[in-house]
Amino acid sequence: MRDLDELFAALSRAGFRAQFRLPDKDLKYLRDKGLDTVLRHADDFVAKRLAAAEPVNDGKQTPYRGHPVFVAQHATACCCRTCLEKWHRIPRGRVLTELERAYIRDVLGRWLSGYLSGPS
């Protein structure tokens, strides 16, 4: 797993990752529900879509829209096991550990919290 400052610096230089922005509808949802609730949703999405050693439809299991977490997953390369391995040094082919799941939550939380601390 990577240092978060190092990770976010690298993501900011990656054109594909840097293009993601939270749509107004998702920003409103994040503000209305709060970061803690949205991160509980993230925990559930990670458990159901990423945590398995070989997730169903790996590489296509995370939608690009429909929830703030989905956008954050693509922006931070937490969208599939291939990206987790490439960007976060979390190997494919085995179940995610609790520590790795907590790390993913921290990554998503950091990205999402940037929208809560910025101008409205």
Protein backbone atom coordinates (compact mmCIF):
# COMPACT_ATOMS: atom_id res chain seq x y z
CA MET A 1 0.00 0.00 0.00
CA ARG A 2 1.17 3.49 -0.77
CA ASP A 3 1.66 6.60 1.27
CA LEU A 4 -1.42 8.73 0.62
CA ASP A 5 0.50 11.92 -0.16
CA GLU A 6 2.58 10.03 -2.74
CA LEU A 7 -0.53 8.38 -4.17
CA PHE A 8 -2.50 11.60 -4.56
CA ALA A 9 0.48 13.34 -6.16
CA ALA A 10 0.70 10.52 -8.72
CA LEU A 11 -3.07 10.53 -9.33
CA SER A 12 -2.99 14.28 -9.99
CA ARG A 13 -0.49 13.65 -12.81
CA ALA A 14 -2.55 10.86 -14.38
CA GLY A 15 -4.81 12.42 -17.01
CA PHE A 16 -7.50 9.78 -16.82
CA ARG A 17 -7.70 9.83 -13.02
CA ALA A 18 -7.44 13.61 -12.73
CA GLN A 19 -10.44 14.16 -15.02
CA PHE A 20 -12.97 12.85 -12.52
CA ARG A 21 -15.18 15.41 -10.79
CA LEU A 22 -18.09 14.83 -8.47
CA PRO A 23 -21.32 15.81 -10.26
CA ASP A 24 -23.63 18.28 -8.49
CA LYS A 25 -26.16 15.53 -7.71
CA ASP A 26 -23.48 13.41 -6.03
CA LEU A 27 -22.07 16.41 -4.17
CA LYS A 28 -25.53 17.18 -2.80
CA TYR A 29 -25.90 13.53 -1.76
CA LEU A 30 -22.50 13.63 -0.02
CA ARG A 31 -23.38 16.83 1.81
CA ASP A 32 -26.88 15.64 2.75
CA LYS A 33 -25.84 12.18 3.97
CA GLY A 34 -22.44 13.16 5.35
CA LEU A 35 -19.03 11.63 4.82
CA ASP A 36 -19.42 8.96 7.51
CA THR A 37 -22.58 7.56 5.91
CA VAL A 38 -21.12 7.66 2.41
CA LEU A 39 -18.00 5.85 3.64
CA ARG A 40 -20.19 3.16 5.19
CA HIS A 41 -21.63 2.74 1.71
CA ALA A 42 -18.05 2.52 0.42
CA ASP A 43 -17.31 -0.26 2.91
CA ASP A 44 -20.27 -2.19 1.55
CA PHE A 45 -19.30 -1.61 -2.10
CA VAL A 46 -15.72 -2.71 -1.44
CA ALA A 47 -16.90 -5.82 0.42
CA LYS A 48 -19.31 -6.82 -2.34
CA ARG A 49 -17.38 -5.75 -5.44
CA LEU A 50 -13.64 -5.79 -4.67
CA ALA A 51 -12.80 -7.87 -1.61
CA ALA A 52 -13.01 -11.32 -3.23
CA ALA A 53 -9.87 -12.92 -4.59
CA GLU A 54 -11.47 -12.93 -8.04
CA PRO A 55 -14.37 -10.45 -8.11
CA VAL A 56 -17.19 -11.03 -10.58
CA ASN A 57 -16.71 -8.92 -13.72
CA ASP A 58 -13.40 -7.58 -12.43
CA GLY A 59 -12.54 -4.46 -14.36
CA LYS A 60 -16.19 -3.70 -15.04
CA GLN A 61 -17.77 -4.00 -11.60
CA THR A 62 -17.69 -0.32 -10.65
CA PRO A 63 -20.14 2.02 -12.40
CA TYR A 64 -18.90 5.44 -13.44
CA ARG A 65 -21.88 7.23 -11.93
CA GLY A 66 -24.82 6.81 -9.60
CA HIS A 67 -23.09 7.30 -6.24
CA PRO A 68 -20.26 9.55 -5.02
CA VAL A 69 -18.24 6.48 -4.06
CA PHE A 70 -18.26 5.16 -7.63
CA VAL A 71 -16.76 8.41 -8.93
CA ALA A 72 -14.21 8.40 -6.11
CA GLN A 73 -13.25 4.80 -6.87
CA HIS A 74 -12.38 5.67 -10.47
CA ALA A 75 -10.65 8.93 -9.51
CA THR A 76 -8.45 7.09 -7.00
CA ALA A 77 -7.93 3.81 -8.91
CA CYS A 78 -9.89 1.81 -6.32
CA CYS A 79 -12.28 0.52 -8.97
CA CYS A 80 -10.96 -2.98 -9.71
CA ARG A 81 -8.29 -5.41 -8.60
CA THR A 82 -6.05 -4.54 -11.56
CA CYS A 83 -6.01 -0.87 -10.56
CA LEU A 84 -5.56 -1.74 -6.90
CA GLU A 85 -2.47 -3.74 -7.83
CA LYS A 86 -1.03 -1.14 -10.21
CA TRP A 87 -1.73 1.99 -8.17
CA HIS A 88 -1.88 0.76 -4.59
CA ARG A 89 0.40 -2.29 -4.58
CA ILE A 90 -2.41 -4.55 -3.36
CA PRO A 91 -1.97 -7.91 -5.11
CA ARG A 92 -4.74 -9.62 -7.05
CA GLY A 93 -5.72 -13.22 -6.54
CA ARG A 94 -6.43 -13.17 -2.82
CA VAL A 95 -9.11 -11.76 -0.55
CA LEU A 96 -8.50 -8.20 0.66
CA THR A 97 -7.39 -7.96 4.27
CA GLU A 98 -9.14 -5.75 6.81
CA LEU A 99 -6.12 -3.45 6.72
CA GLU A 100 -6.35 -3.14 2.93
CA ARG A 101 -10.08 -2.45 3.13
CA ALA A 102 -9.44 0.27 5.72
CA TYR A 103 -6.75 1.75 3.47
CA ILE A 104 -9.19 1.87 0.52
CA ARG A 105 -11.73 3.60 2.77
CA ASP A 106 -9.07 6.16 3.74
CA VAL A 107 -8.20 6.79 0.09
CA LEU A 108 -11.85 7.27 -0.87
CA GLY A 109 -12.47 9.42 2.20
CA ARG A 110 -9.57 11.69 1.39
CA TRP A 111 -10.79 12.25 -2.16
CA LEU A 112 -14.40 12.82 -1.10
CA SER A 113 -13.47 15.10 1.80
CA GLY A 114 -11.83 17.46 -0.69
CA TYR A 115 -15.34 18.30 -1.87
CA LEU A 116 -16.53 19.05 1.65
CA SER A 117 -13.69 21.39 2.49
CA GLY A 118 -13.72 23.33 -0.77
CA PRO A 119 -15.95 26.21 -1.89
CA SER A 120 -19.63 25.43 -2.42
